[in-house]
Amino acid sequence: DSSAYGILVSRYQDRLYASVLHVVSTAEEAEDVVQESFIQGYLKLDTFQQTSRFFTWLYRIAFNNALSRKRRRRGQVSLDQTR
């Protein structure tokens, strides 16, 4: 039910954002990670086994997304850094 999921998004988005911001380097990246994580969570909702809290499950998705993003970014060099 997408309206029920919307309630979960409203309930957890700020908390998830604050958690992810500690892993990635910018607010924009944290917003992207949170949005991607909520979408991924919605698409994989049938895998949630209810053995833990919903936030814990969603946090793991977001944390893994943030780490993946950080790893991808590590290989990139900014043009500003080369000056």
C-alpha atoms as a PDB file:
ATOM      1  CA  ASP A   1       0.000   0.000   0.000  1.00  0.00           C
ATOM      2  CA  SER A   2       1.742   3.148  -1.213  1.00  0.00           C
ATOM      3  CA  SER A   3      -0.112   5.496   1.165  1.00  0.00           C
ATOM      4  CA  ALA A   4       1.010   3.438   4.160  1.00  0.00           C
ATOM      5  CA  TYR A   5       4.562   3.507   2.823  1.00  0.00           C
ATOM      6  CA  GLY A   6       4.260   7.292   2.528  1.00  0.00           C
ATOM      7  CA  ILE A   7       3.587   7.403   6.264  1.00  0.00           C
ATOM      8  CA  LEU A   8       6.763   5.402   6.887  1.00  0.00           C
ATOM      9  CA  VAL A   9       8.725   7.799   4.686  1.00  0.00           C
ATOM     10  CA  SER A  10       7.416  10.777   6.652  1.00  0.00           C
ATOM     11  CA  ARG A  11       8.219   9.079   9.927  1.00  0.00           C
ATOM     12  CA  TYR A  12      11.796   8.027   9.116  1.00  0.00           C
ATOM     13  CA  GLN A  13      13.210  10.338   6.447  1.00  0.00           C
ATOM     14  CA  ASP A  14      14.806  12.892   8.801  1.00  0.00           C
ATOM     15  CA  ARG A  15      16.340  10.235  11.022  1.00  0.00           C
ATOM     16  CA  LEU A  16      17.668   8.311   8.044  1.00  0.00           C
ATOM     17  CA  TYR A  17      19.059  11.492   6.476  1.00  0.00           C
ATOM     18  CA  ALA A  18      20.936  12.384   9.669  1.00  0.00           C
ATOM     19  CA  SER A  19      22.419   8.889   9.819  1.00  0.00           C
ATOM     20  CA  VAL A  20      23.505   8.838   6.184  1.00  0.00           C
ATOM     21  CA  LEU A  21      24.993  12.336   6.312  1.00  0.00           C
ATOM     22  CA  HIS A  22      27.731  10.991   8.587  1.00  0.00           C
ATOM     23  CA  VAL A  23      28.800   8.537   5.883  1.00  0.00           C
ATOM     24  CA  VAL A  24      28.668  10.633   2.705  1.00  0.00           C
ATOM     25  CA  SER A  25      30.321  13.990   2.279  1.00  0.00           C
ATOM     26  CA  THR A  26      27.526  16.341   1.233  1.00  0.00           C
ATOM     27  CA  ALA A  27      23.901  17.078   2.031  1.00  0.00           C
ATOM     28  CA  GLU A  28      22.977  16.512  -1.607  1.00  0.00           C
ATOM     29  CA  GLU A  29      24.517  13.046  -1.572  1.00  0.00           C
ATOM     30  CA  ALA A  30      22.708  12.211   1.650  1.00  0.00           C
ATOM     31  CA  GLU A  31      19.399  13.291   0.095  1.00  0.00           C
ATOM     32  CA  ASP A  32      20.078  11.123  -2.947  1.00  0.00           C
ATOM     33  CA  VAL A  33      21.005   8.112  -0.819  1.00  0.00           C
ATOM     34  CA  VAL A  34      17.878   8.471   1.326  1.00  0.00           C
ATOM     35  CA  GLN A  35      15.637   8.785  -1.718  1.00  0.00           C
ATOM     36  CA  GLU A  36      17.264   5.780  -3.416  1.00  0.00           C
ATOM     37  CA  SER A  37      16.946   3.782  -0.208  1.00  0.00           C
ATOM     38  CA  PHE A  38      13.249   4.479   0.204  1.00  0.00           C
ATOM     39  CA  ILE A  39      12.639   3.471  -3.406  1.00  0.00           C
ATOM     40  CA  GLN A  40      14.714   0.325  -3.002  1.00  0.00           C
ATOM     41  CA  GLY A  41      12.932  -0.456   0.264  1.00  0.00           C
ATOM     42  CA  TYR A  42       9.551  -0.076  -1.399  1.00  0.00           C
ATOM     43  CA  LEU A  43      10.542  -2.350  -4.270  1.00  0.00           C
ATOM     44  CA  LYS A  44      11.942  -4.987  -1.891  1.00  0.00           C
ATOM     45  CA  LEU A  45       9.288  -4.676   0.798  1.00  0.00           C
ATOM     46  CA  ASP A  46       8.375  -8.334   0.328  1.00  0.00           C
ATOM     47  CA  THR A  47      11.846  -9.286   1.631  1.00  0.00           C
ATOM     48  CA  PHE A  48      11.280  -7.541   4.979  1.00  0.00           C
ATOM     49  CA  GLN A  49      10.939 -10.446   7.410  1.00  0.00           C
ATOM     50  CA  GLN A  50       9.714  -8.444  10.422  1.00  0.00           C
ATOM     51  CA  THR A  51      12.356 -10.000  12.666  1.00  0.00           C
ATOM     52  CA  SER A  52      13.696  -6.489  13.258  1.00  0.00           C
ATOM     53  CA  ARG A  53      12.211  -3.023  13.241  1.00  0.00           C
ATOM     54  CA  PHE A  54      11.407  -1.452   9.889  1.00  0.00           C
ATOM     55  CA  PHE A  55      13.852   1.396  10.519  1.00  0.00           C
ATOM     56  CA  THR A  56      16.675  -1.052  11.190  1.00  0.00           C
ATOM     57  CA  TRP A  57      16.006  -2.829   7.914  1.00  0.00           C
ATOM     58  CA  LEU A  58      15.764   0.433   5.990  1.00  0.00           C
ATOM     59  CA  TYR A  59      18.870   1.799   7.727  1.00  0.00           C
ATOM     60  CA  ARG A  60      20.900  -1.166   6.480  1.00  0.00           C
ATOM     61  CA  ILE A  61      19.722  -0.505   2.939  1.00  0.00           C
ATOM     62  CA  ALA A  62      20.658   3.182   3.255  1.00  0.00           C
ATOM     63  CA  PHE A  63      23.990   2.506   4.935  1.00  0.00           C
ATOM     64  CA  ASN A  64      24.971   0.013   2.231  1.00  0.00           C
ATOM     65  CA  ASN A  65      23.928   2.500  -0.468  1.00  0.00           C
ATOM     66  CA  ALA A  66      25.970   5.232   1.202  1.00  0.00           C
ATOM     67  CA  LEU A  67      29.053   3.009   1.419  1.00  0.00           C
ATOM     68  CA  SER A  68      28.699   2.000  -2.215  1.00  0.00           C
ATOM     69  CA  ARG A  69      28.427   5.630  -3.252  1.00  0.00           C
ATOM     70  CA  LYS A  70      31.476   6.514  -1.175  1.00  0.00           C
ATOM     71  CA  ARG A  71      33.502   3.692  -2.771  1.00  0.00           C
ATOM     72  CA  ARG A  72      32.524   4.806  -6.275  1.00  0.00           C
ATOM     73  CA  ARG A  73      33.467   8.391  -5.473  1.00  0.00           C
ATOM     74  CA  ARG A  74      36.864   7.380  -4.066  1.00  0.00           C
ATOM     75  CA  GLY A  75      38.080   6.497  -7.555  1.00  0.00           C
ATOM     76  CA  GLN A  76      37.134   9.899  -8.948  1.00  0.00           C
ATOM     77  CA  VAL A  77      39.375  12.933  -8.777  1.00  0.00           C
ATOM     78  CA  SER A  78      37.897  16.409  -8.815  1.00  0.00           C
ATOM     79  CA  LEU A  79      39.366  18.928 -11.236  1.00  0.00           C
ATOM     80  CA  ASP A  80      39.525  21.345  -8.312  1.00  0.00           C
ATOM     81  CA  GLN A  81      41.869  18.970  -6.496  1.00  0.00           C
ATOM     82  CA  THR A  82      44.378  18.927  -9.385  1.00  0.00           C
ATOM     83  CA  ARG A  83      45.188  22.650  -9.163  1.00  0.00           C
END
